[in-house]
Amino acid sequence: MAEPGFPPGGGGLGGEGLGRSRGGFTTKIHLSADGRCRPLSLVVTPGQRADCTQLGPVLERIRVPRTGSGRPRTRPDSLAADKAYSNGPCRRYLRQRGIRHTIPEKSDSRAARLRKGSRGGRPPGFDEERYRKRNTIERAINRLKQHRAVATRYDKRGYIYLGTATVAALTVWLRT
């Protein structure tokens, strides 16, 4: 059985979370974070993998325990994301799960919508105040990269690197 977050079949560079991107031979860490810059879920993919394809897997891994009894929370109250997630499938996924979201519209999407006239539909809602809080994810990534093993990725295997990033996330949680 393939590790979660990795393509089935195992082996190969894609199975190890390594791939070519503009920066060279890299790995991407996709994560969600709470308002205090603490990571909630992590997914490791090859460097060329698009961010928007990992929205579902990242959100499905969120498990926040409740203070009392009951199942852990699996759905955030709201989500603020950058333009990489500004497409129909991402917005539909968030709408189906009932997650309020603030994602700016890409300029080419806006131009295409305006070209269609009344058939183009309404522009997506955008709350500037909530979008300003999007920097929490960047700060969470910076906290993870304070750990040298996460920033440099010397681990050969993808699942070991995911474990290294998870340990770094645990230390971030313990320090806050």
Protein backbone atom coordinates (compact mmCIF):
# COMPACT_ATOMS: atom_id res chain seq x y z
CA MET A 1 0.00 0.00 0.00
CA ALA A 2 1.34 3.43 -0.95
CA GLU A 3 2.12 5.99 1.72
CA PRO A 4 -0.50 8.73 2.03
CA GLY A 5 0.45 11.75 -0.05
CA PHE A 6 2.66 9.74 -2.42
CA PRO A 7 1.68 8.36 -5.81
CA PRO A 8 0.77 4.65 -5.87
CA GLY A 9 3.33 2.16 -7.09
CA GLY A 10 6.15 3.37 -4.87
CA GLY A 11 9.72 3.73 -5.93
CA GLY A 12 11.01 6.27 -8.37
CA LEU A 13 11.67 9.89 -7.67
CA GLY A 14 7.99 10.81 -7.52
CA GLY A 15 7.45 8.23 -4.79
CA GLU A 16 10.23 9.85 -2.77
CA GLY A 17 8.81 13.36 -3.05
CA LEU A 18 11.58 14.58 -5.35
CA GLY A 19 11.03 16.37 -8.63
CA ARG A 20 12.18 19.12 -10.94
CA SER A 21 10.92 22.64 -10.52
CA ARG A 22 12.24 26.11 -11.31
CA GLY A 23 14.53 25.91 -8.30
CA GLY A 24 16.06 22.60 -9.40
CA PHE A 25 15.63 19.18 -7.82
CA THR A 26 13.27 19.90 -4.92
CA THR A 27 10.52 18.77 -2.59
CA LYS A 28 7.41 20.75 -1.62
CA ILE A 29 5.78 20.70 1.78
CA HIS A 30 2.09 21.55 1.58
CA LEU A 31 0.61 22.41 4.95
CA SER A 32 -2.23 24.03 6.79
CA ALA A 33 -1.71 26.13 9.91
CA ASP A 34 -3.86 27.66 12.60
CA GLY A 35 -3.93 31.34 13.57
CA ARG A 36 -0.91 30.91 15.85
CA CYS A 37 1.32 29.58 13.01
CA ARG A 38 1.19 25.98 14.24
CA PRO A 39 1.05 23.31 11.50
CA LEU A 40 -2.15 21.25 11.44
CA SER A 41 -1.38 18.90 8.55
CA LEU A 42 1.55 18.14 6.24
CA VAL A 43 1.85 16.60 2.77
CA VAL A 44 5.16 16.09 0.92
CA THR A 45 5.19 16.10 -2.90
CA PRO A 46 7.73 16.44 -5.72
CA GLY A 47 8.82 19.99 -6.53
CA GLN A 48 6.88 20.26 -9.78
CA ARG A 49 3.51 19.29 -8.26
CA ALA A 50 1.00 22.15 -8.41
CA ASP A 51 -0.21 23.58 -5.10
CA CYS A 52 -3.89 23.48 -6.02
CA THR A 53 -3.84 19.69 -6.51
CA GLN A 54 -2.96 19.19 -2.84
CA LEU A 55 -5.73 21.29 -1.27
CA GLY A 56 -7.96 18.25 -0.66
CA PRO A 57 -5.27 15.98 0.82
CA VAL A 58 -4.02 18.73 3.14
CA LEU A 59 -7.49 19.62 4.43
CA GLU A 60 -8.50 15.96 4.83
CA ARG A 61 -5.55 15.37 7.19
CA ILE A 62 -6.57 18.04 9.70
CA ARG A 63 -7.40 16.49 13.06
CA VAL A 64 -7.77 18.89 16.00
CA PRO A 65 -8.76 17.16 19.26
CA ARG A 66 -11.60 18.66 21.24
CA THR A 67 -11.08 19.75 24.85
CA GLY A 68 -13.86 17.47 26.07
CA SER A 69 -15.11 14.24 24.60
CA GLY A 70 -16.06 13.82 20.98
CA ARG A 71 -14.50 13.36 17.60
CA PRO A 72 -11.67 15.64 16.55
CA ARG A 73 -12.42 18.63 14.35
CA THR A 74 -11.66 17.97 10.70
CA ARG A 75 -12.87 21.20 9.13
CA PRO A 76 -11.44 24.68 9.61
CA ASP A 77 -13.75 27.62 10.22
CA SER A 78 -12.25 29.55 7.32
CA LEU A 79 -9.38 29.40 4.87
CA ALA A 80 -7.22 32.11 3.35
CA ALA A 81 -5.13 31.05 0.35
CA ASP A 82 -3.15 32.70 -2.41
CA LYS A 83 -3.92 32.87 -6.13
CA ALA A 84 -2.53 29.37 -6.74
CA TYR A 85 -5.82 28.03 -5.33
CA SER A 86 -8.03 30.37 -7.36
CA ASN A 87 -9.73 27.88 -9.66
CA GLY A 88 -13.12 26.25 -9.99
CA PRO A 89 -12.31 22.82 -8.54
CA CYS A 90 -10.74 24.29 -5.39
CA ARG A 91 -13.64 26.66 -4.82
CA ARG A 92 -16.17 23.86 -5.43
CA TYR A 93 -14.37 21.58 -2.97
CA LEU A 94 -14.42 24.27 -0.28
CA ARG A 95 -18.07 25.05 -0.96
CA GLN A 96 -19.04 21.36 -0.70
CA ARG A 97 -17.28 21.04 2.66
CA GLY A 98 -18.87 24.29 3.92
CA ILE A 99 -15.56 26.08 4.46
CA ARG A 100 -15.60 29.87 4.14
CA HIS A 101 -12.67 30.95 2.01
CA THR A 102 -10.85 34.07 0.94
CA ILE A 103 -8.94 33.55 -2.28
CA PRO A 104 -8.08 36.42 -4.64
CA GLU A 105 -9.19 36.06 -8.23
CA LYS A 106 -6.49 35.70 -10.87
CA SER A 107 -6.35 38.53 -13.39
CA ASP A 108 -6.82 36.21 -16.39
CA SER A 109 -9.84 34.56 -14.73
CA ARG A 110 -11.33 37.98 -14.06
CA ALA A 111 -10.76 39.04 -17.68
CA ALA A 112 -12.40 35.83 -18.97
CA ARG A 113 -15.38 36.33 -16.64
CA LEU A 114 -15.82 39.94 -17.78
CA ARG A 115 -15.52 38.94 -21.44
CA LYS A 116 -18.48 36.60 -21.02
CA GLY A 117 -20.63 39.47 -19.79
CA SER A 118 -23.72 38.45 -17.85
CA ARG A 119 -22.96 34.76 -18.52
CA GLY A 120 -19.65 35.12 -16.67
CA GLY A 121 -21.32 35.13 -13.27
CA ARG A 122 -20.60 37.12 -10.18
CA PRO A 123 -17.09 37.71 -8.93
CA PRO A 124 -16.11 35.51 -5.98
CA GLY A 125 -16.39 37.12 -2.57
CA PHE A 126 -13.19 38.51 -1.11
CA ASP A 127 -12.63 39.70 2.46
CA GLU A 128 -9.46 41.82 2.60
CA GLU A 129 -9.32 41.77 6.40
CA ARG A 130 -9.29 37.97 6.51
CA TYR A 131 -6.80 37.78 3.62
CA ARG A 132 -4.29 39.84 5.60
CA LYS A 133 -3.99 36.91 8.01
CA ARG A 134 -2.69 34.65 5.23
CA ASN A 135 0.87 35.39 6.28
CA THR A 136 0.42 32.90 9.13
CA ILE A 137 1.12 30.06 6.70
CA GLU A 138 4.34 31.72 5.55
CA ARG A 139 5.41 32.16 9.17
CA ALA A 140 4.56 28.51 9.90
CA ILE A 141 6.77 27.39 6.98
CA ASN A 142 9.58 29.61 8.28
CA ARG A 143 9.26 28.04 11.73
CA LEU A 144 9.58 24.58 10.18
CA LYS A 145 12.59 25.65 8.16
CA GLN A 146 14.37 26.78 11.31
CA HIS A 147 15.09 23.07 11.64
CA ARG A 148 18.08 22.42 9.42
CA ALA A 149 16.94 18.93 8.41
CA VAL A 150 13.66 20.33 7.03
CA ALA A 151 15.28 23.25 5.21
CA THR A 152 17.97 21.18 3.48
CA ARG A 153 16.29 17.77 3.01
CA TYR A 154 19.18 15.38 3.24
CA ASP A 155 16.81 12.45 3.83
CA LYS A 156 16.81 9.96 0.99
CA ARG A 157 13.33 8.54 1.50
CA GLY A 158 10.16 10.63 1.25
CA TYR A 159 8.47 9.07 4.27
CA ILE A 160 11.54 9.78 6.41
CA TYR A 161 11.51 13.43 5.29
CA LEU A 162 7.80 13.61 6.14
CA GLY A 163 8.67 12.24 9.59
CA THR A 164 11.40 14.85 9.97
CA ALA A 165 8.95 17.62 9.06
CA THR A 166 6.39 16.14 11.48
CA VAL A 167 8.93 16.18 14.33
CA ALA A 168 9.71 19.81 13.48
CA ALA A 169 5.97 20.57 13.57
CA LEU A 170 5.71 18.88 16.98
CA THR A 171 8.49 21.05 18.36
CA VAL A 172 6.70 24.14 17.03
CA TRP A 173 3.55 22.99 18.88
CA LEU A 174 5.48 22.31 22.08
CA ARG A 175 7.16 25.72 22.04
CA THR A 176 3.89 27.66 21.68
